[in-house]
Amino acid sequence: METLQLLGTALGLGALAGINLYLTVFVAGLAIQQQWIALAPQYADLQVLGHPTIVAVAGVLYCLQFFADKVPWVDSLWDLVHSVIRPVGGAFLAIKTLGSVNPAFDVTVALLAGGVALSTHGLKAGARLVANASPEPFSNIALSVTEDVAVVGGLLLLQTHPILALIAVVLLVAAIFYLGPKIARAVRVKLWLAWRKLNTPAGAAHLVPDLPKILPSDADILLHSIKPPGSATIKWAAKCIAAGSRRVKANASGYLVALEQEQGRLHFVGKGWFRTTAQTLELEGYKTAHESKFLSENLVLYSVDRRPKEVFFFERAQRHLVARLAEDLRGSLDLASRHSKKEEPPQEPSAAPAGA
């Protein structure tokens, strides 16, 4: 039982260090210094955190992070700088937690704590990058406050129920591994859009005399696997990134394709990291919109009937292209709606009531 408690405290401190190393050290050190908590004999080496110099330095660094964490993109730069500092700090705290029980056990747990710290750091940094897609600071402030509350709450849990803390850490790491690929794809998309925006002169946008119609060979093969039989020709094929829905994989890069012989229907062909995707989007009853966001130009397909909303990201320099696509889709959807109404059978006149 004591070994599990040590393991829970060591890995718990590693997880909290990955979220906010300086707050973890500052709060723990201040609690030890002011004797708000009494350290058990097995945690005697953690007494060093209560040294006035360590508490002061951790407090100053936390103050710097407190403000950096609430400014879009400054928080991501801060996370980048701490990609090594937080895992190393988590491993150090784990070593101090264990004392000198067994050198092999100490090294093993230190490596695990460093890995846990790196995992929680990656989750924090990824969430910040996704939040930075919008320039408003409110989401950053909310995330920062939530992280600080989680660290303080986590330290209280470590003090009172270290075994429960160990279970929470295991579940958190499992969730991170499960969500990791999705988070990584979202981060990759945001970084690519941000990079393209930074490399595009302010106010620059590419004029589009004609809609693109050329598909790469791999995308063309995927399109032929789902399009209806016959000699349908490509009306336009626009390179984009899918935001994701029940029909299209999130953050998949590929091509949105319209065919000349089809109305009210689009195809998306592309690939993620490990597999391809090819979907036909039936758009009967849908509307289209062009939305300019902080990092991207978005083509939005939505329905008031709460059907799956489809959003496709384009880089900022393609504003004119997205406007042309939205205009073409509006005409196509209107035409499909008129055809649908013409094909509806006429309503039978209701029978007159008896005795009329």
Protein backbone atom coordinates (compact mmCIF):
# COMPACT_ATOMS: atom_id res chain seq x y z
CA MET A 1 0.00 0.00 0.00
CA GLU A 2 2.83 2.41 0.88
CA THR A 3 4.46 1.73 -2.49
CA LEU A 4 1.21 2.59 -4.28
CA GLN A 5 0.92 5.79 -2.29
CA LEU A 6 4.49 6.77 -3.21
CA LEU A 7 3.80 5.94 -6.85
CA GLY A 8 0.58 7.92 -6.84
CA THR A 9 2.28 10.97 -5.33
CA ALA A 10 5.26 10.78 -7.69
CA LEU A 11 3.23 10.35 -10.87
CA GLY A 12 0.63 12.86 -9.67
CA LEU A 13 3.29 15.53 -9.18
CA GLY A 14 4.63 14.68 -12.63
CA ALA A 15 1.19 15.13 -14.20
CA LEU A 16 0.65 18.47 -12.43
CA ALA A 17 4.14 19.64 -13.40
CA GLY A 18 3.27 19.02 -17.04
CA ILE A 19 0.32 21.37 -16.70
CA ASN A 20 1.93 24.08 -14.58
CA LEU A 21 5.32 23.30 -13.07
CA TYR A 22 5.83 26.62 -11.30
CA LEU A 23 2.41 26.66 -9.62
CA THR A 24 2.92 23.05 -8.49
CA VAL A 25 6.27 23.86 -6.87
CA PHE A 26 5.07 27.18 -5.46
CA VAL A 27 1.90 25.84 -3.80
CA ALA A 28 3.57 22.67 -2.51
CA GLY A 29 6.59 24.61 -1.25
CA LEU A 30 4.48 27.30 0.41
CA ALA A 31 2.32 24.65 2.13
CA ILE A 32 5.45 22.93 3.45
CA GLN A 33 7.11 26.19 4.52
CA GLN A 34 4.05 27.49 6.35
CA GLN A 35 3.42 24.04 7.85
CA TRP A 36 -0.07 23.84 6.37
CA ILE A 37 0.70 20.19 5.77
CA ALA A 38 2.84 17.75 7.72
CA LEU A 39 5.02 15.58 5.48
CA ALA A 40 5.04 11.88 6.24
CA PRO A 41 8.51 10.40 6.88
CA GLN A 42 8.62 8.76 3.44
CA TYR A 43 8.26 12.22 1.83
CA ALA A 44 11.03 13.84 3.84
CA ASP A 45 13.03 14.78 0.71
CA LEU A 46 10.18 17.01 -0.46
CA GLN A 47 11.02 19.31 2.45
CA VAL A 48 13.47 21.08 0.12
CA LEU A 49 10.52 22.59 -1.78
CA GLY A 50 9.80 24.73 1.29
CA HIS A 51 13.15 26.51 1.08
CA PRO A 52 12.50 30.28 0.86
CA THR A 53 14.59 30.65 -2.29
CA ILE A 54 12.72 27.90 -4.12
CA VAL A 55 9.34 29.28 -3.04
CA ALA A 56 10.32 32.81 -4.14
CA VAL A 57 11.70 31.76 -7.54
CA ALA A 58 8.72 29.50 -8.24
CA GLY A 59 6.36 32.33 -7.26
CA VAL A 60 8.03 34.83 -9.59
CA LEU A 61 8.04 32.38 -12.50
CA TYR A 62 4.40 31.53 -11.86
CA CYS A 63 3.52 35.23 -11.98
CA LEU A 64 5.20 35.47 -15.39
CA GLN A 65 3.30 32.39 -16.59
CA PHE A 66 0.04 33.73 -15.12
CA PHE A 67 0.10 36.62 -17.59
CA ALA A 68 1.73 34.77 -20.52
CA ASP A 69 -0.93 32.04 -20.34
CA LYS A 70 -3.73 34.50 -21.01
CA VAL A 71 -2.40 36.07 -24.21
CA PRO A 72 -3.14 34.20 -27.49
CA TRP A 73 0.00 32.80 -29.14
CA VAL A 74 2.22 34.07 -26.31
CA ASP A 75 0.92 31.08 -24.33
CA SER A 76 1.90 28.73 -27.17
CA LEU A 77 5.39 30.25 -27.35
CA TRP A 78 5.68 29.78 -23.58
CA ASP A 79 4.60 26.14 -23.94
CA LEU A 80 7.19 25.59 -26.65
CA VAL A 81 9.97 26.89 -24.39
CA HIS A 82 8.77 24.58 -21.59
CA SER A 83 8.55 21.42 -23.70
CA VAL A 84 11.72 20.18 -21.98
CA ILE A 85 11.52 22.07 -18.69
CA ARG A 86 8.19 20.60 -17.55
CA PRO A 87 9.04 16.90 -18.15
CA VAL A 88 12.43 17.36 -16.45
CA GLY A 89 10.74 19.15 -13.57
CA GLY A 90 8.19 16.35 -13.26
CA ALA A 91 10.96 13.73 -13.13
CA PHE A 92 12.82 15.77 -10.48
CA LEU A 93 9.72 16.02 -8.29
CA ALA A 94 9.20 12.25 -8.62
CA ILE A 95 12.77 11.56 -7.50
CA LYS A 96 12.34 13.84 -4.47
CA THR A 97 9.08 12.09 -3.64
CA LEU A 98 10.66 8.63 -3.61
CA GLY A 99 13.76 9.56 -1.66
CA SER A 100 16.28 6.71 -1.84
CA VAL A 101 14.11 3.61 -1.63
CA ASN A 102 15.66 1.64 -4.46
CA PRO A 103 17.84 3.14 -7.24
CA ALA A 104 16.29 1.00 -9.98
CA PHE A 105 12.76 1.78 -8.77
CA ASP A 106 13.63 5.48 -8.50
CA VAL A 107 14.90 5.68 -12.08
CA THR A 108 11.90 3.76 -13.41
CA VAL A 109 9.40 6.01 -11.65
CA ALA A 110 11.34 9.13 -12.66
CA LEU A 111 11.10 8.07 -16.30
CA LEU A 112 7.39 7.35 -15.91
CA ALA A 113 6.81 10.71 -14.21
CA GLY A 114 8.71 12.50 -16.98
CA GLY A 115 6.57 10.72 -19.57
CA VAL A 116 3.38 11.61 -17.72
CA ALA A 117 4.53 15.24 -17.49
CA LEU A 118 5.27 15.26 -21.22
CA SER A 119 1.79 13.83 -21.92
CA THR A 120 -0.06 16.43 -19.87
CA HIS A 121 2.17 19.16 -21.30
CA GLY A 122 1.28 17.99 -24.81
CA LEU A 123 -2.43 18.03 -23.95
CA LYS A 124 -2.15 21.56 -22.54
CA ALA A 125 -0.09 22.87 -25.48
CA GLY A 126 -2.40 21.26 -28.03
CA ALA A 127 -5.52 22.70 -26.40
CA ARG A 128 -3.92 26.16 -26.43
CA LEU A 129 -3.03 25.92 -30.12
CA VAL A 130 -6.60 24.96 -31.00
CA ALA A 131 -7.96 27.80 -28.85
CA ASN A 132 -5.62 30.27 -30.54
CA ALA A 133 -7.46 29.76 -33.82
CA SER A 134 -9.73 32.56 -32.58
CA PRO A 135 -8.03 35.82 -31.61
CA GLU A 136 -10.30 36.56 -28.64
CA PRO A 137 -8.55 36.07 -25.26
CA PHE A 138 -11.53 34.73 -23.31
CA SER A 139 -10.94 31.07 -24.18
CA ASN A 140 -7.27 31.42 -23.20
CA ILE A 141 -8.22 33.00 -19.88
CA ALA A 142 -10.78 30.26 -19.20
CA LEU A 143 -8.25 27.52 -19.99
CA SER A 144 -5.59 29.17 -17.84
CA VAL A 145 -7.89 29.50 -14.82
CA THR A 146 -9.11 25.90 -15.28
CA GLU A 147 -5.53 24.63 -15.37
CA ASP A 148 -4.60 26.52 -12.19
CA VAL A 149 -7.66 25.19 -10.37
CA ALA A 150 -6.84 21.66 -11.58
CA VAL A 151 -3.28 21.95 -10.21
CA VAL A 152 -4.41 23.17 -6.77
CA GLY A 153 -7.16 20.52 -6.65
CA GLY A 154 -4.68 17.86 -7.73
CA LEU A 155 -2.27 18.80 -4.94
CA LEU A 156 -5.09 18.52 -2.39
CA LEU A 157 -5.99 15.07 -3.78
CA LEU A 158 -2.34 13.98 -3.52
CA GLN A 159 -2.27 15.07 0.13
CA THR A 160 -5.49 13.31 1.12
CA HIS A 161 -5.91 10.33 -1.25
CA PRO A 162 -2.70 9.46 -3.16
CA ILE A 163 -4.11 6.13 -4.40
CA LEU A 164 -7.11 7.90 -5.93
CA ALA A 165 -4.63 10.31 -7.49
CA LEU A 166 -2.78 7.34 -9.01
CA ILE A 167 -6.03 6.04 -10.53
CA ALA A 168 -6.81 9.52 -11.88
CA VAL A 169 -3.35 9.78 -13.47
CA VAL A 170 -3.72 6.38 -15.15
CA LEU A 171 -7.15 7.33 -16.54
CA LEU A 172 -5.83 10.73 -17.69
CA VAL A 173 -2.87 9.20 -19.53
CA ALA A 174 -5.16 6.61 -21.16
CA ALA A 175 -7.47 9.42 -22.33
CA ILE A 176 -4.51 11.37 -23.69
CA PHE A 177 -3.30 8.36 -25.66
CA TYR A 178 -6.81 7.81 -27.02
CA LEU A 179 -7.32 11.46 -27.97
CA GLY A 180 -3.69 12.03 -28.92
CA PRO A 181 -4.02 11.39 -32.69
CA LYS A 182 -7.07 13.67 -32.90
CA ILE A 183 -5.33 16.42 -30.96
CA ALA A 184 -2.19 16.03 -33.07
CA ARG A 185 -4.18 16.36 -36.31
CA ALA A 186 -5.93 19.47 -35.03
CA VAL A 187 -2.61 21.00 -33.95
CA ARG A 188 -1.04 20.20 -37.31
CA VAL A 189 -3.91 21.93 -39.14
CA LYS A 190 -3.75 25.03 -36.94
CA LEU A 191 0.02 25.29 -37.30
CA TRP A 192 -0.20 24.93 -41.09
CA LEU A 193 -2.93 27.59 -41.35
CA ALA A 194 -0.96 29.91 -39.07
CA TRP A 195 2.21 29.36 -41.11
CA ARG A 196 0.39 30.09 -44.36
CA LYS A 197 -1.13 33.24 -42.89
CA LEU A 198 2.25 34.49 -41.67
CA ASN A 199 3.75 33.91 -45.12
CA THR A 200 0.94 35.75 -46.91
CA PRO A 201 1.28 39.54 -47.24
CA ALA A 202 -1.42 41.51 -45.45
CA GLY A 203 -4.47 42.02 -47.65
CA ALA A 204 -3.18 39.66 -50.33
CA ALA A 205 -5.68 37.28 -51.93
CA HIS A 206 -5.35 35.24 -55.09
CA LEU A 207 -7.83 36.16 -57.82
CA VAL A 208 -9.61 33.17 -59.33
CA PRO A 209 -10.41 33.53 -63.04
CA ASP A 210 -11.54 29.89 -63.28
CA LEU A 211 -12.41 27.30 -60.67
CA PRO A 212 -9.76 24.53 -60.43
CA LYS A 213 -10.69 21.23 -62.05
CA ILE A 214 -7.54 19.13 -61.76
CA LEU A 215 -7.24 16.27 -59.28
CA PRO A 216 -3.99 14.47 -58.42
CA SER A 217 -3.94 10.83 -59.45
CA ASP A 218 -4.49 9.42 -55.95
CA ALA A 219 -7.46 11.70 -55.33
CA ASP A 220 -8.91 10.88 -58.76
CA ILE A 221 -8.73 7.16 -57.99
CA LEU A 222 -10.56 7.74 -54.71
CA LEU A 223 -13.22 9.81 -56.49
CA HIS A 224 -13.87 7.02 -59.00
CA SER A 225 -14.43 4.60 -56.12
CA ILE A 226 -17.50 6.53 -54.91
CA LYS A 227 -18.90 8.55 -57.82
CA PRO A 228 -21.90 7.19 -59.73
CA PRO A 229 -21.22 5.17 -62.88
CA GLY A 230 -21.02 7.04 -66.13
CA SER A 231 -18.85 9.73 -67.64
CA ALA A 232 -19.36 12.45 -65.02
CA THR A 233 -16.88 15.28 -65.47
CA ILE A 234 -15.36 17.42 -62.76
CA LYS A 235 -16.96 20.84 -62.40
CA TRP A 236 -14.43 21.97 -59.81
CA ALA A 237 -12.03 20.41 -57.32
CA ALA A 238 -10.80 22.56 -54.43
CA LYS A 239 -8.02 21.58 -52.04
CA CYS A 240 -9.09 22.06 -48.41
CA ILE A 241 -9.18 20.59 -44.91
CA ALA A 242 -12.35 19.13 -43.41
CA ALA A 243 -13.33 20.33 -39.95
CA GLY A 244 -15.05 16.99 -39.40
CA SER A 245 -18.56 15.66 -38.84
CA ARG A 246 -20.37 12.33 -38.65
CA ARG A 247 -19.69 11.91 -42.36
CA VAL A 248 -16.18 13.32 -42.86
CA LYS A 249 -13.11 12.58 -40.74
CA ALA A 250 -11.94 15.57 -38.71
CA ASN A 251 -8.87 17.47 -39.95
CA ALA A 252 -8.46 15.31 -43.05
CA SER A 253 -6.77 17.10 -45.91
CA GLY A 254 -8.08 16.48 -49.40
CA TYR A 255 -10.27 17.81 -52.19
CA LEU A 256 -13.89 18.91 -52.27
CA VAL A 257 -15.25 17.91 -55.68
CA ALA A 258 -18.40 18.91 -57.60
CA LEU A 259 -19.44 17.05 -60.76
CA GLU A 260 -21.13 18.63 -63.78
CA GLN A 261 -23.96 16.07 -63.94
CA GLU A 262 -24.91 16.32 -60.26
CA GLN A 263 -26.90 18.90 -58.34
CA GLY A 264 -27.08 19.07 -54.56
CA ARG A 265 -24.20 16.66 -54.06
CA LEU A 266 -20.48 16.98 -53.33
CA HIS A 267 -17.64 14.51 -52.83
CA PHE A 268 -14.73 14.76 -50.42
CA VAL A 269 -11.63 12.66 -51.11
CA GLY A 270 -8.51 12.89 -49.01
CA LYS A 271 -6.36 11.24 -46.40
CA GLY A 272 -5.48 11.38 -42.75
CA TRP A 273 -2.26 10.06 -41.28
CA PHE A 274 -2.93 6.37 -41.72
CA ARG A 275 -5.88 5.95 -44.06
CA THR A 276 -7.74 7.53 -46.92
CA THR A 277 -11.27 8.88 -46.87
CA ALA A 278 -13.85 9.17 -49.63
CA GLN A 279 -17.36 10.41 -48.87
CA THR A 280 -20.35 11.57 -50.87
CA LEU A 281 -22.21 14.48 -49.24
CA GLU A 282 -25.91 14.65 -50.02
CA LEU A 283 -26.84 18.33 -49.55
CA GLU A 284 -30.60 18.38 -50.14
CA GLY A 285 -32.05 21.03 -47.86
CA TYR A 286 -28.65 22.57 -47.12
CA LYS A 287 -27.50 26.17 -47.31
CA THR A 288 -24.00 27.48 -47.90
CA ALA A 289 -22.00 30.32 -46.39
CA HIS A 290 -18.54 31.84 -46.68
CA GLU A 291 -17.02 32.79 -43.31
CA SER A 292 -13.69 34.57 -42.79
CA LYS A 293 -11.97 33.46 -39.59
CA PHE A 294 -8.72 34.44 -37.90
CA LEU A 295 -6.62 31.70 -39.53
CA SER A 296 -8.76 30.48 -42.41
CA GLU A 297 -11.47 31.09 -44.96
CA ASN A 298 -14.29 28.63 -44.27
CA LEU A 299 -16.84 27.12 -46.62
CA VAL A 300 -19.83 26.18 -44.46
CA LEU A 301 -22.64 23.82 -45.45
CA TYR A 302 -25.49 23.74 -42.95
CA SER A 303 -29.15 22.85 -42.59
CA VAL A 304 -31.79 24.28 -40.29
CA ASP A 305 -33.02 20.70 -39.79
CA ARG A 306 -29.97 19.93 -37.61
CA ARG A 307 -28.34 17.69 -40.15
CA PRO A 308 -24.55 17.31 -39.96
CA LYS A 309 -22.86 20.68 -40.44
CA GLU A 310 -19.90 20.53 -42.80
CA VAL A 311 -17.05 23.05 -42.59
CA PHE A 312 -14.03 23.12 -44.87
CA PHE A 313 -10.91 25.19 -44.15
CA PHE A 314 -9.02 27.11 -46.82
CA GLU A 315 -5.95 29.28 -46.29
CA ARG A 316 -6.56 33.02 -45.94
CA ALA A 317 -5.13 33.87 -49.38
CA GLN A 318 -7.96 31.89 -51.02
CA ARG A 319 -10.75 34.27 -50.04
CA HIS A 320 -11.86 34.83 -53.64
CA LEU A 321 -11.85 31.10 -54.35
CA VAL A 322 -14.07 30.34 -51.36
CA ALA A 323 -16.45 33.13 -52.37
CA ARG A 324 -16.70 31.64 -55.88
CA LEU A 325 -17.30 28.15 -54.48
CA ALA A 326 -20.03 29.41 -52.15
CA GLU A 327 -21.72 31.25 -55.03
CA ASP A 328 -21.58 28.18 -57.28
CA LEU A 329 -22.96 25.95 -54.54
CA ARG A 330 -25.85 28.32 -53.86
CA GLY A 331 -26.86 28.13 -57.51
CA SER A 332 -26.47 24.34 -57.55
CA LEU A 333 -28.52 23.87 -54.37
CA ASP A 334 -31.26 26.21 -55.61
CA LEU A 335 -31.45 24.28 -58.88
CA ALA A 336 -31.60 20.97 -57.02
CA SER A 337 -34.39 22.33 -54.82
CA ARG A 338 -36.46 23.43 -57.85
CA HIS A 339 -36.02 20.03 -59.51
CA SER A 340 -37.09 18.31 -56.30
CA LYS A 341 -40.26 20.37 -56.10
CA LYS A 342 -41.12 19.63 -59.75
CA GLU A 343 -40.78 15.90 -59.15
CA GLU A 344 -43.15 15.90 -56.17
CA PRO A 345 -46.49 14.25 -57.09
CA PRO A 346 -49.53 16.56 -57.04
CA GLN A 347 -51.56 16.49 -53.86
CA GLU A 348 -54.85 14.57 -54.06
CA PRO A 349 -57.84 16.83 -53.34
CA SER A 350 -59.41 15.95 -50.02
CA ALA A 351 -62.85 14.34 -50.20
CA ALA A 352 -65.79 16.56 -49.38
CA PRO A 353 -67.42 15.73 -46.07
CA ALA A 354 -70.71 13.80 -46.23
CA GLY A 355 -73.83 15.92 -46.43
CA ALA A 356 -72.01 18.92 -47.91
